[in-house]
């Protein structure tokens, strides 16, 4: 497969590993990094890969926030992740509480 910037960026955005990107283009990591240095004029291709992976993570986050508008479960999950919200479990049945000293050895 011939190298394509668009395909490379798409593979990074969907969180493909470097090994998977190499497999897609049928090239070694050394060859991929050489191509990336030439095509993008970068010194460290790993940083470039991480930049496009971060763009993919932003895409996922955006989709989650959009889904939260119509899906209560996603809304709850995002609240727990970003707002410090949590489930509170109350146990008013004190008869079921066992203390260490009450357990016979």
N, C-alpha and C. Protein backbone atom coordinates (compact mmCIF):
# COMPACT_ATOMS: atom_id res chain seq x y z
N UNK A 1 0.86 -1.18 0.00
CA UNK A 1 0.00 0.00 0.00
C UNK A 1 0.90 1.23 0.00
N UNK A 2 0.62 2.14 -0.88
CA UNK A 2 1.39 3.39 -0.95
C UNK A 2 1.00 4.30 0.20
N UNK A 3 1.98 5.02 0.74
CA UNK A 3 1.74 5.90 1.88
C UNK A 3 0.79 7.02 1.49
N UNK A 4 -0.15 7.30 2.38
CA UNK A 4 -1.10 8.39 2.21
C UNK A 4 -1.20 9.15 3.53
N UNK A 5 -1.01 10.46 3.48
CA UNK A 5 -1.11 11.26 4.69
C UNK A 5 -2.50 11.13 5.31
N UNK A 6 -3.53 11.20 4.47
CA UNK A 6 -4.90 11.11 4.98
C UNK A 6 -5.14 9.79 5.70
N UNK A 7 -4.68 8.69 5.11
CA UNK A 7 -4.88 7.38 5.73
C UNK A 7 -4.06 7.26 7.01
N UNK A 8 -2.82 7.75 6.97
CA UNK A 8 -1.97 7.73 8.16
C UNK A 8 -2.65 8.47 9.32
N UNK A 9 -3.14 9.67 9.05
CA UNK A 9 -3.79 10.48 10.09
C UNK A 9 -5.05 9.79 10.61
N UNK A 10 -5.80 9.16 9.72
CA UNK A 10 -7.00 8.43 10.14
C UNK A 10 -6.63 7.26 11.05
N UNK A 11 -5.60 6.52 10.69
CA UNK A 11 -5.17 5.38 11.51
C UNK A 11 -4.73 5.84 12.90
N UNK A 12 -4.04 6.96 12.95
CA UNK A 12 -3.63 7.51 14.25
C UNK A 12 -4.86 7.91 15.06
N UNK A 13 -5.82 8.59 14.42
CA UNK A 13 -7.02 9.07 15.13
C UNK A 13 -7.83 7.92 15.72
N UNK A 14 -7.80 6.75 15.07
CA UNK A 14 -8.56 5.62 15.63
C UNK A 14 -7.67 4.78 16.56
N UNK A 15 -6.56 5.38 16.99
CA UNK A 15 -5.68 4.83 18.03
C UNK A 15 -4.93 3.57 17.60
N UNK A 16 -4.62 3.44 16.31
CA UNK A 16 -3.81 2.31 15.86
C UNK A 16 -2.40 2.43 16.44
N UNK A 17 -1.81 1.31 16.73
CA UNK A 17 -0.43 1.30 17.20
C UNK A 17 0.51 1.54 16.02
N UNK A 18 1.75 1.87 16.33
CA UNK A 18 2.75 2.05 15.27
C UNK A 18 2.89 0.76 14.47
N UNK A 19 2.86 -0.36 15.17
CA UNK A 19 2.97 -1.66 14.51
C UNK A 19 1.81 -1.87 13.53
N UNK A 20 0.61 -1.48 13.93
CA UNK A 20 -0.56 -1.63 13.06
C UNK A 20 -0.47 -0.70 11.85
N UNK A 21 0.02 0.51 12.07
CA UNK A 21 0.19 1.46 10.96
C UNK A 21 1.21 0.90 9.96
N UNK A 22 2.30 0.36 10.49
CA UNK A 22 3.31 -0.27 9.62
C UNK A 22 2.70 -1.41 8.82
N UNK A 23 1.92 -2.22 9.47
CA UNK A 23 1.29 -3.36 8.79
C UNK A 23 0.36 -2.87 7.67
N UNK A 24 -0.38 -1.83 7.95
CA UNK A 24 -1.31 -1.30 6.94
C UNK A 24 -0.55 -0.86 5.68
N UNK A 25 0.56 -0.15 5.87
CA UNK A 25 1.33 0.35 4.74
C UNK A 25 2.39 -0.65 4.26
N UNK A 26 2.45 -1.81 4.93
CA UNK A 26 3.40 -2.86 4.59
C UNK A 26 4.84 -2.33 4.57
N UNK A 27 5.22 -1.71 5.69
CA UNK A 27 6.58 -1.21 5.82
C UNK A 27 7.06 -1.38 7.25
N UNK A 28 8.36 -1.33 7.41
CA UNK A 28 8.95 -1.44 8.75
C UNK A 28 8.77 -0.11 9.48
N UNK A 29 8.99 -0.14 10.79
CA UNK A 29 8.93 1.08 11.57
C UNK A 29 9.99 2.07 11.10
N UNK A 30 11.17 1.57 10.79
CA UNK A 30 12.24 2.42 10.29
C UNK A 30 11.80 3.15 9.02
N UNK A 31 11.21 2.42 8.08
CA UNK A 31 10.74 3.02 6.83
C UNK A 31 9.60 4.01 7.09
N UNK A 32 8.65 3.65 7.96
CA UNK A 32 7.54 4.56 8.28
C UNK A 32 8.08 5.87 8.84
N UNK A 33 9.01 5.78 9.79
CA UNK A 33 9.56 6.99 10.40
C UNK A 33 10.31 7.84 9.38
N UNK A 34 10.98 7.19 8.45
CA UNK A 34 11.68 7.91 7.39
C UNK A 34 10.67 8.66 6.52
N UNK A 35 9.60 8.00 6.15
CA UNK A 35 8.55 8.62 5.34
C UNK A 35 7.92 9.79 6.10
N UNK A 36 7.63 9.60 7.39
CA UNK A 36 7.02 10.66 8.19
C UNK A 36 7.94 11.88 8.29
N UNK A 37 9.23 11.64 8.46
CA UNK A 37 10.19 12.75 8.52
C UNK A 37 10.18 13.55 7.21
N UNK A 38 10.06 12.84 6.09
CA UNK A 38 10.05 13.50 4.79
C UNK A 38 8.72 14.21 4.53
N UNK A 39 7.62 13.52 4.75
CA UNK A 39 6.30 14.04 4.41
C UNK A 39 5.86 15.19 5.31
N UNK A 40 6.24 15.11 6.60
CA UNK A 40 5.78 16.12 7.57
C UNK A 40 6.88 17.05 8.05
N UNK A 41 8.10 16.79 7.61
CA UNK A 41 9.25 17.60 8.02
C UNK A 41 9.34 17.70 9.55
N UNK A 42 9.33 16.53 10.20
CA UNK A 42 9.43 16.46 11.66
C UNK A 42 10.70 15.70 12.04
N UNK A 43 11.19 15.99 13.23
CA UNK A 43 12.38 15.29 13.73
C UNK A 43 11.98 13.99 14.42
N UNK A 44 10.88 14.04 15.19
CA UNK A 44 10.47 12.87 15.96
C UNK A 44 9.08 12.39 15.51
N UNK A 45 9.04 11.37 14.68
CA UNK A 45 7.75 10.87 14.18
C UNK A 45 6.81 10.39 15.29
N UNK A 46 7.37 9.95 16.41
CA UNK A 46 6.51 9.49 17.51
C UNK A 46 5.64 10.63 18.03
N UNK A 47 6.22 11.83 18.11
CA UNK A 47 5.44 12.99 18.54
C UNK A 47 4.31 13.28 17.56
N UNK A 48 4.59 13.14 16.26
CA UNK A 48 3.57 13.35 15.24
C UNK A 48 2.43 12.35 15.40
N UNK A 49 2.79 11.09 15.61
CA UNK A 49 1.78 10.05 15.82
C UNK A 49 0.93 10.40 17.03
N UNK A 50 1.55 10.83 18.11
CA UNK A 50 0.81 11.18 19.33
C UNK A 50 -0.11 12.38 19.12
N UNK A 51 0.31 13.33 18.30
CA UNK A 51 -0.54 14.49 18.01
C UNK A 51 -1.84 14.03 17.36
N UNK A 52 -1.74 13.16 16.35
CA UNK A 52 -2.94 12.70 15.66
C UNK A 52 -3.76 11.74 16.53
N UNK A 53 -3.09 11.00 17.41
CA UNK A 53 -3.84 10.17 18.36
C UNK A 53 -4.63 11.04 19.32
N UNK A 54 -4.04 12.16 19.75
CA UNK A 54 -4.75 13.09 20.63
C UNK A 54 -5.97 13.70 19.94
N UNK A 55 -5.85 13.97 18.65
CA UNK A 55 -7.00 14.47 17.89
C UNK A 55 -8.11 13.41 17.92
N UNK A 56 -7.74 12.16 17.78
CA UNK A 56 -8.73 11.07 17.85
C UNK A 56 -9.39 10.99 19.20
N UNK A 57 -8.62 11.22 20.27
CA UNK A 57 -9.20 11.21 21.62
C UNK A 57 -10.18 12.35 21.79
N UNK A 58 -9.87 13.50 21.19
CA UNK A 58 -10.81 14.62 21.25
C UNK A 58 -12.10 14.28 20.50
N UNK A 59 -11.97 13.57 19.39
CA UNK A 59 -13.16 13.13 18.64
C UNK A 59 -14.04 12.22 19.50
N UNK A 60 -13.39 11.31 20.23
CA UNK A 60 -14.13 10.39 21.11
C UNK A 60 -14.83 11.18 22.21
N UNK A 61 -14.10 12.10 22.82
CA UNK A 61 -14.67 12.90 23.90
C UNK A 61 -15.88 13.71 23.39
N UNK A 62 -15.75 14.30 22.22
CA UNK A 62 -16.84 15.08 21.64
C UNK A 62 -18.07 14.19 21.42
N UNK A 63 -17.84 12.99 20.89
CA UNK A 63 -18.95 12.06 20.66
C UNK A 63 -19.62 11.66 21.98
N UNK A 64 -18.82 11.46 23.02
CA UNK A 64 -19.38 11.11 24.32
C UNK A 64 -20.25 12.24 24.88
N UNK A 65 -19.78 13.46 24.75
CA UNK A 65 -20.56 14.58 25.26
C UNK A 65 -21.85 14.76 24.45
N UNK A 66 -21.77 14.52 23.15
CA UNK A 66 -22.99 14.58 22.33
C UNK A 66 -23.96 13.48 22.76
N UNK A 67 -23.44 12.28 23.00
CA UNK A 67 -24.28 11.15 23.41
C UNK A 67 -24.90 11.41 24.78
N UNK A 68 -24.20 12.13 25.65
CA UNK A 68 -24.71 12.41 27.00
C UNK A 68 -25.99 13.23 26.96
N UNK A 69 -26.21 13.97 25.88
CA UNK A 69 -27.41 14.78 25.75
C UNK A 69 -28.67 13.93 25.65
N UNK A 70 -28.53 12.70 25.17
CA UNK A 70 -29.69 11.84 24.99
C UNK A 70 -29.61 10.51 25.75
N UNK A 71 -28.47 10.23 26.34
CA UNK A 71 -28.28 8.96 27.03
C UNK A 71 -27.93 9.22 28.49
N UNK A 72 -28.86 8.97 29.41
CA UNK A 72 -28.60 9.24 30.83
C UNK A 72 -27.36 8.53 31.38
N UNK A 73 -27.12 7.31 30.95
CA UNK A 73 -25.96 6.56 31.47
C UNK A 73 -24.66 7.28 31.11
N UNK A 74 -24.57 7.78 29.88
CA UNK A 74 -23.36 8.49 29.49
C UNK A 74 -23.24 9.79 30.27
N UNK A 75 -24.35 10.44 30.49
CA UNK A 75 -24.35 11.68 31.27
C UNK A 75 -23.84 11.42 32.69
N UNK A 76 -24.29 10.34 33.30
CA UNK A 76 -23.84 9.97 34.64
C UNK A 76 -22.34 9.65 34.65
N UNK A 77 -21.91 8.89 33.65
CA UNK A 77 -20.50 8.51 33.58
C UNK A 77 -19.62 9.75 33.45
N UNK A 78 -19.99 10.67 32.57
CA UNK A 78 -19.20 11.88 32.39
C UNK A 78 -19.18 12.73 33.67
N UNK A 79 -20.30 12.77 34.38
CA UNK A 79 -20.35 13.49 35.64
C UNK A 79 -19.37 12.92 36.65
N UNK A 80 -19.26 11.60 36.67
CA UNK A 80 -18.32 10.95 37.59
C UNK A 80 -16.88 11.22 37.17
N UNK A 81 -16.62 11.20 35.86
CA UNK A 81 -15.27 11.38 35.36
C UNK A 81 -14.77 12.81 35.51
N UNK A 82 -15.63 13.78 35.22
CA UNK A 82 -15.17 15.16 35.13
C UNK A 82 -15.64 16.06 36.26
N UNK A 83 -16.70 15.68 36.93
CA UNK A 83 -17.26 16.57 37.94
C UNK A 83 -17.13 16.02 39.36
N UNK A 84 -16.49 14.86 39.50
CA UNK A 84 -16.29 14.29 40.83
C UNK A 84 -17.56 13.74 41.46
N UNK A 85 -18.59 13.53 40.64
CA UNK A 85 -19.83 12.99 41.18
C UNK A 85 -19.65 11.50 41.44
N UNK A 86 -20.43 10.99 42.39
CA UNK A 86 -20.33 9.56 42.70
C UNK A 86 -21.67 9.04 43.20
N UNK A 87 -21.80 7.73 43.16
CA UNK A 87 -22.98 7.08 43.70
C UNK A 87 -22.82 7.00 45.21
N UNK A 88 -23.88 7.28 45.93
CA UNK A 88 -23.86 7.17 47.38
C UNK A 88 -24.77 6.00 47.76
N UNK A 89 -24.19 5.05 48.46
CA UNK A 89 -24.94 3.88 48.90
C UNK A 89 -25.17 4.01 50.39
N UNK A 90 -26.44 4.01 50.78
CA UNK A 90 -26.77 4.10 52.20
C UNK A 90 -27.17 2.72 52.69
N UNK A 91 -26.68 2.37 53.87
CA UNK A 91 -27.05 1.10 54.47
C UNK A 91 -27.61 1.43 55.85
N UNK A 92 -28.93 1.41 55.95
CA UNK A 92 -29.58 1.72 57.22
C UNK A 92 -29.87 0.47 58.05
N UNK A 93 -29.46 -0.67 57.57
CA UNK A 93 -29.73 -1.92 58.27
C UNK A 93 -28.52 -2.26 59.14
N UNK A 94 -28.49 -1.70 60.35
CA UNK A 94 -27.35 -1.85 61.25
C UNK A 94 -27.22 -3.28 61.78
N UNK A 95 -28.28 -4.07 61.70
CA UNK A 95 -28.23 -5.45 62.20
C UNK A 95 -27.27 -6.30 61.37
N UNK A 96 -27.04 -5.93 60.12
CA UNK A 96 -26.18 -6.73 59.26
C UNK A 96 -24.70 -6.34 59.34
N UNK A 97 -24.39 -5.35 60.14
CA UNK A 97 -23.00 -4.92 60.26
C UNK A 97 -22.31 -5.80 61.28
N UNK A 98 -21.18 -6.37 60.90
CA UNK A 98 -20.41 -7.24 61.79
C UNK A 98 -19.11 -6.53 62.12
N UNK A 99 -18.83 -6.44 63.38
CA UNK A 99 -17.59 -5.83 63.82
C UNK A 99 -16.57 -6.93 64.10
N UNK A 100 -15.29 -6.61 63.99
CA UNK A 100 -14.23 -7.59 64.21
C UNK A 100 -14.34 -8.25 65.58
N UNK A 101 -14.65 -7.46 66.59
CA UNK A 101 -14.70 -7.99 67.96
C UNK A 101 -15.86 -8.96 68.16
N UNK A 102 -16.88 -8.87 67.29
CA UNK A 102 -18.05 -9.75 67.43
C UNK A 102 -17.84 -11.12 66.80
N UNK A 103 -16.81 -11.25 65.99
CA UNK A 103 -16.56 -12.52 65.30
C UNK A 103 -15.82 -13.45 66.26
N UNK A 104 -16.37 -14.66 66.46
CA UNK A 104 -15.73 -15.64 67.34
C UNK A 104 -14.60 -16.31 66.61
N UNK A 105 -13.52 -16.51 67.31
CA UNK A 105 -12.33 -17.13 66.71
C UNK A 105 -12.34 -18.61 66.89
